[in-house]
Amino acid sequence: TQTILLIASHLAPEKRRGEIIGKVMSGLLLGIL
C-alpha cells in the first residue's frame, strides 16, 4: 500500500502534493474505516 502512496507522491507537483496525497489518503482511510 505504501508503494502506491509513493507513486502518488512522485506524480504530484510540489504545490499540490498535500492535496493529492490527501485525496489518496481518503481512499486509504475509507478502506480502514
PDB file of all heavy atoms in Angstrom:
ATOM      1  N   THR A   1       0.835  -1.210   0.000  1.00  0.00           N
ATOM      2  CA  THR A   1       0.000   0.000   0.000  1.00  0.00           C
ATOM      3  C   THR A   1       0.863   1.251   0.000  1.00  0.00           C
ATOM      4  O   THR A   1       0.550   2.252  -0.665  1.00  0.00           O
ATOM      5  CB  THR A   1      -0.904   0.013   1.257  1.00  0.00           C
ATOM      6  OG1 THR A   1      -1.675  -1.181   1.301  1.00  0.00           O
ATOM      7  CG2 THR A   1      -1.835   1.210   1.240  1.00  0.00           C
ATOM      8  N   GLN A   2       1.962   1.200   0.721  1.00  0.00           N
ATOM      9  CA  GLN A   2       2.832   2.367   0.825  1.00  0.00           C
ATOM     10  C   GLN A   2       3.549   2.666  -0.485  1.00  0.00           C
ATOM     11  O   GLN A   2       3.899   3.817  -0.754  1.00  0.00           O
ATOM     12  CB  GLN A   2       3.827   2.171   1.966  1.00  0.00           C
ATOM     13  CG  GLN A   2       3.171   2.023   3.328  1.00  0.00           C
ATOM     14  CD  GLN A   2       2.253   3.182   3.647  1.00  0.00           C
ATOM     15  OE1 GLN A   2       2.595   4.342   3.412  1.00  0.00           O
ATOM     16  NE2 GLN A   2       1.076   2.881   4.187  1.00  0.00           N
ATOM     17  N   THR A   3       3.771   1.657  -1.304  1.00  0.00           N
ATOM     18  CA  THR A   3       4.376   1.904  -2.618  1.00  0.00           C
ATOM     19  C   THR A   3       3.375   2.605  -3.533  1.00  0.00           C
ATOM     20  O   THR A   3       3.760   3.441  -4.365  1.00  0.00           O
ATOM     21  CB  THR A   3       4.846   0.579  -3.252  1.00  0.00           C
ATOM     22  OG1 THR A   3       5.701  -0.116  -2.337  1.00  0.00           O
ATOM     23  CG2 THR A   3       5.611   0.834  -4.539  1.00  0.00           C
ATOM     24  N   ILE A   4       2.091   2.289  -3.382  1.00  0.00           N
ATOM     25  CA  ILE A   4       1.066   3.005  -4.151  1.00  0.00           C
ATOM     26  C   ILE A   4       1.059   4.475  -3.742  1.00  0.00           C
ATOM     27  O   ILE A   4       0.990   5.374  -4.588  1.00  0.00           O
ATOM     28  CB  ILE A   4      -0.315   2.364  -3.925  1.00  0.00           C
ATOM     29  CG1 ILE A   4      -0.310   0.890  -4.355  1.00  0.00           C
ATOM     30  CG2 ILE A   4      -1.388   3.133  -4.706  1.00  0.00           C
ATOM     31  CD1 ILE A   4      -1.605   0.149  -4.066  1.00  0.00           C
ATOM     32  N   LEU A   5       1.151   4.740  -2.448  1.00  0.00           N
ATOM     33  CA  LEU A   5       1.230   6.123  -1.975  1.00  0.00           C
ATOM     34  C   LEU A   5       2.498   6.803  -2.479  1.00  0.00           C
ATOM     35  O   LEU A   5       2.501   7.999  -2.792  1.00  0.00           O
ATOM     36  CB  LEU A   5       1.201   6.158  -0.442  1.00  0.00           C
ATOM     37  CG  LEU A   5      -0.165   5.990   0.213  1.00  0.00           C
ATOM     38  CD1 LEU A   5       0.000   5.813   1.723  1.00  0.00           C
ATOM     39  CD2 LEU A   5      -1.063   7.175  -0.084  1.00  0.00           C
ATOM     40  N   LEU A   6       3.562   6.029  -2.565  1.00  0.00           N
ATOM     41  CA  LEU A   6       4.833   6.569  -3.049  1.00  0.00           C
ATOM     42  C   LEU A   6       4.692   7.052  -4.492  1.00  0.00           C
ATOM     43  O   LEU A   6       5.179   8.123  -4.858  1.00  0.00           O
ATOM     44  CB  LEU A   6       5.919   5.497  -2.946  1.00  0.00           C
ATOM     45  CG  LEU A   6       7.351   5.913  -3.271  1.00  0.00           C
ATOM     46  CD1 LEU A   6       7.852   6.918  -2.250  1.00  0.00           C
ATOM     47  CD2 LEU A   6       8.254   4.685  -3.296  1.00  0.00           C
ATOM     48  N   ILE A   7       4.013   6.271  -5.328  1.00  0.00           N
ATOM     49  CA  ILE A   7       3.781   6.681  -6.708  1.00  0.00           C
ATOM     50  C   ILE A   7       2.964   7.982  -6.745  1.00  0.00           C
ATOM     51  O   ILE A   7       3.233   8.885  -7.534  1.00  0.00           O
ATOM     52  CB  ILE A   7       3.066   5.562  -7.495  1.00  0.00           C
ATOM     53  CG1 ILE A   7       4.071   4.476  -7.878  1.00  0.00           C
ATOM     54  CG2 ILE A   7       2.383   6.096  -8.739  1.00  0.00           C
ATOM     55  CD1 ILE A   7       3.537   3.390  -8.769  1.00  0.00           C
ATOM     56  N   ALA A   8       1.971   8.076  -5.857  1.00  0.00           N
ATOM     57  CA  ALA A   8       1.158   9.298  -5.800  1.00  0.00           C
ATOM     58  C   ALA A   8       2.020  10.506  -5.465  1.00  0.00           C
ATOM     59  O   ALA A   8       1.856  11.585  -6.040  1.00  0.00           O
ATOM     60  CB  ALA A   8       0.039   9.140  -4.776  1.00  0.00           C
ATOM     61  N   SER A   9       2.968  10.340  -4.543  1.00  0.00           N
ATOM     62  CA  SER A   9       3.824  11.473  -4.154  1.00  0.00           C
ATOM     63  C   SER A   9       4.746  11.894  -5.296  1.00  0.00           C
ATOM     64  O   SER A   9       5.068  13.070  -5.443  1.00  0.00           O
ATOM     65  CB  SER A   9       4.647  11.099  -2.914  1.00  0.00           C
ATOM     66  OG  SER A   9       5.709  10.216  -3.233  1.00  0.00           O
ATOM     67  N   HIS A  10       5.177  10.937  -6.120  1.00  0.00           N
ATOM     68  CA  HIS A  10       6.034  11.264  -7.265  1.00  0.00           C
ATOM     69  C   HIS A  10       5.234  11.912  -8.403  1.00  0.00           C
ATOM     70  O   HIS A  10       5.747  12.768  -9.120  1.00  0.00           O
ATOM     71  CB  HIS A  10       6.742  10.007  -7.769  1.00  0.00           C
ATOM     72  CG  HIS A  10       7.900   9.596  -6.931  1.00  0.00           C
ATOM     73  ND1 HIS A  10       9.121  10.226  -6.963  1.00  0.00           N
ATOM     74  CD2 HIS A  10       8.032   8.611  -6.007  1.00  0.00           C
ATOM     75  CE1 HIS A  10       9.955   9.655  -6.108  1.00  0.00           C
ATOM     76  NE2 HIS A  10       9.313   8.670  -5.524  1.00  0.00           N
ATOM     77  N   LEU A  11       3.998  11.480  -8.554  1.00  0.00           N
ATOM     78  CA  LEU A  11       3.153  12.065  -9.587  1.00  0.00           C
ATOM     79  C   LEU A  11       2.787  13.511  -9.277  1.00  0.00           C
ATOM     80  O   LEU A  11       2.656  14.330 -10.171  1.00  0.00           O
ATOM     81  CB  LEU A  11       1.855  11.250  -9.721  1.00  0.00           C
ATOM     82  CG  LEU A  11       1.921   9.919 -10.468  1.00  0.00           C
ATOM     83  CD1 LEU A  11       0.645   9.140 -10.244  1.00  0.00           C
ATOM     84  CD2 LEU A  11       2.130  10.155 -11.961  1.00  0.00           C
ATOM     85  N   ALA A  12       2.603  13.812  -7.996  1.00  0.00           N
ATOM     86  CA  ALA A  12       2.042  15.107  -7.602  1.00  0.00           C
ATOM     87  C   ALA A  12       3.066  16.230  -7.742  1.00  0.00           C
ATOM     88  O   ALA A  12       4.194  16.102  -7.282  1.00  0.00           O
ATOM     89  CB  ALA A  12       1.558  15.032  -6.157  1.00  0.00           C
ATOM     90  N   PRO A  13       2.675  17.360  -8.358  1.00  0.00           N
ATOM     91  CA  PRO A  13       3.544  18.537  -8.345  1.00  0.00           C
ATOM     92  C   PRO A  13       3.638  19.084  -6.924  1.00  0.00           C
ATOM     93  O   PRO A  13       2.717  18.917  -6.121  1.00  0.00           O
ATOM     94  CB  PRO A  13       2.820  19.514  -9.285  1.00  0.00           C
ATOM     95  CG  PRO A  13       1.393  19.073  -9.278  1.00  0.00           C
ATOM     96  CD  PRO A  13       1.416  17.594  -9.077  1.00  0.00           C
ATOM     97  N   GLU A  14       4.742  19.746  -6.622  1.00  0.00           N
ATOM     98  CA  GLU A  14       5.008  20.217  -5.257  1.00  0.00           C
ATOM     99  C   GLU A  14       3.862  21.056  -4.696  1.00  0.00           C
ATOM    100  O   GLU A  14       3.444  20.879  -3.559  1.00  0.00           O
ATOM    101  CB  GLU A  14       6.304  21.039  -5.252  1.00  0.00           C
ATOM    102  CG  GLU A  14       6.611  21.742  -3.935  1.00  0.00           C
ATOM    103  CD  GLU A  14       6.829  20.789  -2.784  1.00  0.00           C
ATOM    104  OE1 GLU A  14       7.229  19.636  -3.018  1.00  0.00           O
ATOM    105  OE2 GLU A  14       6.588  21.212  -1.632  1.00  0.00           O
ATOM    106  N   LYS A  15       3.323  21.966  -5.493  1.00  0.00           N
ATOM    107  CA  LYS A  15       2.316  22.894  -4.971  1.00  0.00           C
ATOM    108  C   LYS A  15       0.982  22.213  -4.676  1.00  0.00           C
ATOM    109  O   LYS A  15       0.132  22.782  -3.971  1.00  0.00           O
ATOM    110  CB  LYS A  15       2.096  24.045  -5.957  1.00  0.00           C
ATOM    111  CG  LYS A  15       1.533  23.610  -7.305  1.00  0.00           C
ATOM    112  CD  LYS A  15       1.383  24.811  -8.241  1.00  0.00           C
ATOM    113  CE  LYS A  15       0.815  24.383  -9.603  1.00  0.00           C
ATOM    114  NZ  LYS A  15       0.676  25.528 -10.522  1.00  0.00           N
ATOM    115  N   ARG A  16       0.778  20.982  -5.204  1.00  0.00           N
ATOM    116  CA  ARG A  16      -0.480  20.262  -4.953  1.00  0.00           C
ATOM    117  C   ARG A  16      -0.251  18.927  -4.260  1.00  0.00           C
ATOM    118  O   ARG A  16      -1.175  18.124  -4.140  1.00  0.00           O
ATOM    119  CB  ARG A  16      -1.213  20.014  -6.275  1.00  0.00           C
ATOM    120  CG  ARG A  16      -1.755  21.267  -6.960  1.00  0.00           C
ATOM    121  CD  ARG A  16      -2.624  20.880  -8.140  1.00  0.00           C
ATOM    122  NE  ARG A  16      -3.762  20.077  -7.723  1.00  0.00           N
ATOM    123  CZ  ARG A  16      -4.271  19.067  -8.448  1.00  0.00           C
ATOM    124  NH1 ARG A  16      -3.720  18.716  -9.593  1.00  0.00           N
ATOM    125  NH2 ARG A  16      -5.315  18.397  -8.014  1.00  0.00           N
ATOM    126  N   ARG A  17       0.957  18.708  -3.763  1.00  0.00           N
ATOM    127  CA  ARG A  17       1.279  17.390  -3.209  1.00  0.00           C
ATOM    128  C   ARG A  17       0.401  17.049  -2.006  1.00  0.00           C
ATOM    129  O   ARG A  17      -0.108  15.931  -1.880  1.00  0.00           O
ATOM    130  CB  ARG A  17       2.760  17.320  -2.841  1.00  0.00           C
ATOM    131  CG  ARG A  17       3.188  15.937  -2.343  1.00  0.00           C
ATOM    132  CD  ARG A  17       4.687  15.794  -2.343  1.00  0.00           C
ATOM    133  NE  ARG A  17       5.188  15.766  -3.708  1.00  0.00           N
ATOM    134  CZ  ARG A  17       6.360  16.275  -4.074  1.00  0.00           C
ATOM    135  NH1 ARG A  17       7.131  16.870  -3.186  1.00  0.00           N
ATOM    136  NH2 ARG A  17       6.749  16.210  -5.324  1.00  0.00           N
ATOM    137  N   GLY A  18       0.226  18.009  -1.105  1.00  0.00           N
ATOM    138  CA  GLY A  18      -0.603  17.742   0.063  1.00  0.00           C
ATOM    139  C   GLY A  18      -2.035  17.415  -0.320  1.00  0.00           C
ATOM    140  O   GLY A  18      -2.663  16.502   0.231  1.00  0.00           O
ATOM    141  N   GLU A  19      -2.582  18.153  -1.287  1.00  0.00           N
ATOM    142  CA  GLU A  19      -3.957  17.928  -1.736  1.00  0.00           C
ATOM    143  C   GLU A  19      -4.116  16.544  -2.351  1.00  0.00           C
ATOM    144  O   GLU A  19      -5.064  15.810  -2.032  1.00  0.00           O
ATOM    145  CB  GLU A  19      -4.335  18.998  -2.758  1.00  0.00           C
ATOM    146  CG  GLU A  19      -5.722  18.818  -3.351  1.00  0.00           C
ATOM    147  CD  GLU A  19      -5.976  19.735  -4.536  1.00  0.00           C
ATOM    148  OE1 GLU A  19      -5.152  20.646  -4.773  1.00  0.00           O
ATOM    149  OE2 GLU A  19      -6.990  19.529  -5.221  1.00  0.00           O
ATOM    150  N   ILE A  20      -3.187  16.167  -3.241  1.00  0.00           N
ATOM    151  CA  ILE A  20      -3.305  14.875  -3.925  1.00  0.00           C
ATOM    152  C   ILE A  20      -3.075  13.727  -2.954  1.00  0.00           C
ATOM    153  O   ILE A  20      -3.805  12.718  -2.970  1.00  0.00           O
ATOM    154  CB  ILE A  20      -2.320  14.814  -5.114  1.00  0.00           C
ATOM    155  CG1 ILE A  20      -2.802  15.772  -6.209  1.00  0.00           C
ATOM    156  CG2 ILE A  20      -2.210  13.395  -5.665  1.00  0.00           C
ATOM    157  CD1 ILE A  20      -1.849  15.927  -7.367  1.00  0.00           C
ATOM    158  N   ILE A  21      -2.089  13.861  -2.082  1.00  0.00           N
ATOM    159  CA  ILE A  21      -1.866  12.825  -1.069  1.00  0.00           C
ATOM    160  C   ILE A  21      -3.099  12.706  -0.174  1.00  0.00           C
ATOM    161  O   ILE A  21      -3.518  11.608   0.196  1.00  0.00           O
ATOM    162  CB  ILE A  21      -0.607  13.137  -0.238  1.00  0.00           C
ATOM    163  CG1 ILE A  21       0.640  12.963  -1.097  1.00  0.00           C
ATOM    164  CG2 ILE A  21      -0.529  12.219   0.994  1.00  0.00           C
ATOM    165  CD1 ILE A  21       1.915  13.418  -0.416  1.00  0.00           C
ATOM    166  N   GLY A  22      -3.712  13.865   0.156  1.00  0.00           N
ATOM    167  CA  GLY A  22      -4.923  13.845   0.969  1.00  0.00           C
ATOM    168  C   GLY A  22      -6.050  13.081   0.298  1.00  0.00           C
ATOM    169  O   GLY A  22      -6.782  12.333   0.954  1.00  0.00           O
ATOM    170  N   LYS A  23      -6.194  13.240  -1.017  1.00  0.00           N
ATOM    171  CA  LYS A  23      -7.252  12.525  -1.743  1.00  0.00           C
ATOM    172  C   LYS A  23      -6.984  11.020  -1.770  1.00  0.00           C
ATOM    173  O   LYS A  23      -7.905  10.211  -1.580  1.00  0.00           O
ATOM    174  CB  LYS A  23      -7.359  13.068  -3.170  1.00  0.00           C
ATOM    175  CG  LYS A  23      -7.955  14.474  -3.228  1.00  0.00           C
ATOM    176  CD  LYS A  23      -8.020  14.995  -4.660  1.00  0.00           C
ATOM    177  CE  LYS A  23      -8.655  16.386  -4.703  1.00  0.00           C
ATOM    178  NZ  LYS A  23      -8.693  16.930  -6.086  1.00  0.00           N
ATOM    179  N   VAL A  24      -5.735  10.633  -2.006  1.00  0.00           N
ATOM    180  CA  VAL A  24      -5.409   9.204  -1.998  1.00  0.00           C
ATOM    181  C   VAL A  24      -5.570   8.651  -0.587  1.00  0.00           C
ATOM    182  O   VAL A  24      -6.076   7.536  -0.388  1.00  0.00           O
ATOM    183  CB  VAL A  24      -3.977   8.968  -2.530  1.00  0.00           C
ATOM    184  CG1 VAL A  24      -3.610   7.496  -2.441  1.00  0.00           C
ATOM    185  CG2 VAL A  24      -3.866   9.446  -3.975  1.00  0.00           C
ATOM    186  N   MET A  25      -5.172   9.451   0.403  1.00  0.00           N
ATOM    187  CA  MET A  25      -5.322   9.024   1.784  1.00  0.00           C
ATOM    188  C   MET A  25      -6.791   8.882   2.167  1.00  0.00           C
ATOM    189  O   MET A  25      -7.137   8.068   3.041  1.00  0.00           O
ATOM    190  CB  MET A  25      -4.645  10.021   2.724  1.00  0.00           C
ATOM    191  CG  MET A  25      -3.131   9.929   2.744  1.00  0.00           C
ATOM    192  SD  MET A  25      -2.549   8.302   3.284  1.00  0.00           S
ATOM    193  CE  MET A  25      -3.261   8.210   4.921  1.00  0.00           C
ATOM    194  N   SER A  26      -7.674   9.657   1.538  1.00  0.00           N
ATOM    195  CA  SER A  26      -9.106   9.496   1.802  1.00  0.00           C
ATOM    196  C   SER A  26      -9.547   8.082   1.447  1.00  0.00           C
ATOM    197  O   SER A  26     -10.333   7.458   2.167  1.00  0.00           O
ATOM    198  CB  SER A  26      -9.921  10.509   0.991  1.00  0.00           C
ATOM    199  OG  SER A  26      -9.708  11.815   1.460  1.00  0.00           O
ATOM    200  N   GLY A  27      -9.037   7.575   0.312  1.00  0.00           N
ATOM    201  CA  GLY A  27      -9.345   6.204  -0.076  1.00  0.00           C
ATOM    202  C   GLY A  27      -8.780   5.206   0.914  1.00  0.00           C
ATOM    203  O   GLY A  27      -9.458   4.247   1.320  1.00  0.00           O
ATOM    204  N   LEU A  28      -7.543   5.423   1.324  1.00  0.00           N
ATOM    205  CA  LEU A  28      -6.915   4.528   2.292  1.00  0.00           C
ATOM    206  C   LEU A  28      -7.676   4.536   3.609  1.00  0.00           C
ATOM    207  O   LEU A  28      -7.993   3.481   4.175  1.00  0.00           O
ATOM    208  CB  LEU A  28      -5.460   4.950   2.512  1.00  0.00           C
ATOM    209  CG  LEU A  28      -4.624   4.073   3.443  1.00  0.00           C
ATOM    210  CD1 LEU A  28      -3.172   4.013   2.965  1.00  0.00           C
ATOM    211  CD2 LEU A  28      -4.634   4.633   4.868  1.00  0.00           C
ATOM    212  N   LEU A  29      -7.994   5.730   4.101  1.00  0.00           N
ATOM    213  CA  LEU A  29      -8.678   5.839   5.388  1.00  0.00           C
ATOM    214  C   LEU A  29     -10.106   5.315   5.310  1.00  0.00           C
ATOM    215  O   LEU A  29     -10.611   4.720   6.267  1.00  0.00           O
ATOM    216  CB  LEU A  29      -8.648   7.288   5.863  1.00  0.00           C
ATOM    217  CG  LEU A  29      -7.246   7.794   6.204  1.00  0.00           C
ATOM    218  CD1 LEU A  29      -7.245   9.315   6.324  1.00  0.00           C
ATOM    219  CD2 LEU A  29      -6.746   7.176   7.492  1.00  0.00           C
ATOM    220  N   LEU A  30     -10.765   5.521   4.160  1.00  0.00           N
ATOM    221  CA  LEU A  30     -12.101   4.966   3.993  1.00  0.00           C
ATOM    222  C   LEU A  30     -12.043   3.437   4.006  1.00  0.00           C
ATOM    223  O   LEU A  30     -12.926   2.776   4.571  1.00  0.00           O
ATOM    224  CB  LEU A  30     -12.710   5.459   2.675  1.00  0.00           C
ATOM    225  CG  LEU A  30     -14.208   5.182   2.479  1.00  0.00           C
ATOM    226  CD1 LEU A  30     -15.024   5.857   3.568  1.00  0.00           C
ATOM    227  CD2 LEU A  30     -14.663   5.666   1.107  1.00  0.00           C
ATOM    228  N   GLY A  31     -10.983   2.874   3.418  1.00  0.00           N
ATOM    229  CA  GLY A  31     -10.797   1.421   3.470  1.00  0.00           C
ATOM    230  C   GLY A  31     -10.648   0.935   4.902  1.00  0.00           C
ATOM    231  O   GLY A  31     -11.225  -0.090   5.289  1.00  0.00           O
ATOM    232  N   ILE A  32      -9.883   1.680   5.707  1.00  0.00           N
ATOM    233  CA  ILE A  32      -9.706   1.305   7.114  1.00  0.00           C
ATOM    234  C   ILE A  32     -11.031   1.390   7.861  1.00  0.00           C
ATOM    235  O   ILE A  32     -11.417   0.477   8.597  1.00  0.00           O
ATOM    236  CB  ILE A  32      -8.655   2.214   7.786  1.00  0.00           C
ATOM    237  CG1 ILE A  32      -7.264   1.972   7.173  1.00  0.00           C
ATOM    238  CG2 ILE A  32      -8.608   1.969   9.290  1.00  0.00           C
ATOM    239  CD1 ILE A  32      -6.205   2.935   7.675  1.00  0.00           C
ATOM    240  N   LEU A  33     -11.754   2.497   7.660  1.00  0.00           N
ATOM    241  CA  LEU A  33     -12.982   2.737   8.415  1.00  0.00           C
ATOM    242  C   LEU A  33     -14.101   1.769   8.022  1.00  0.00           C
ATOM    243  O   LEU A  33     -14.860   1.300   8.876  1.00  0.00           O
ATOM    244  CB  LEU A  33     -13.437   4.174   8.195  1.00  0.00           C
ATOM    245  CG  LEU A  33     -12.512   5.250   8.756  1.00  0.00           C
ATOM    246  CD1 LEU A  33     -12.984   6.634   8.335  1.00  0.00           C
ATOM    247  CD2 LEU A  33     -12.443   5.160  10.278  1.00  0.00           C
TER     248      LEU A  33
END
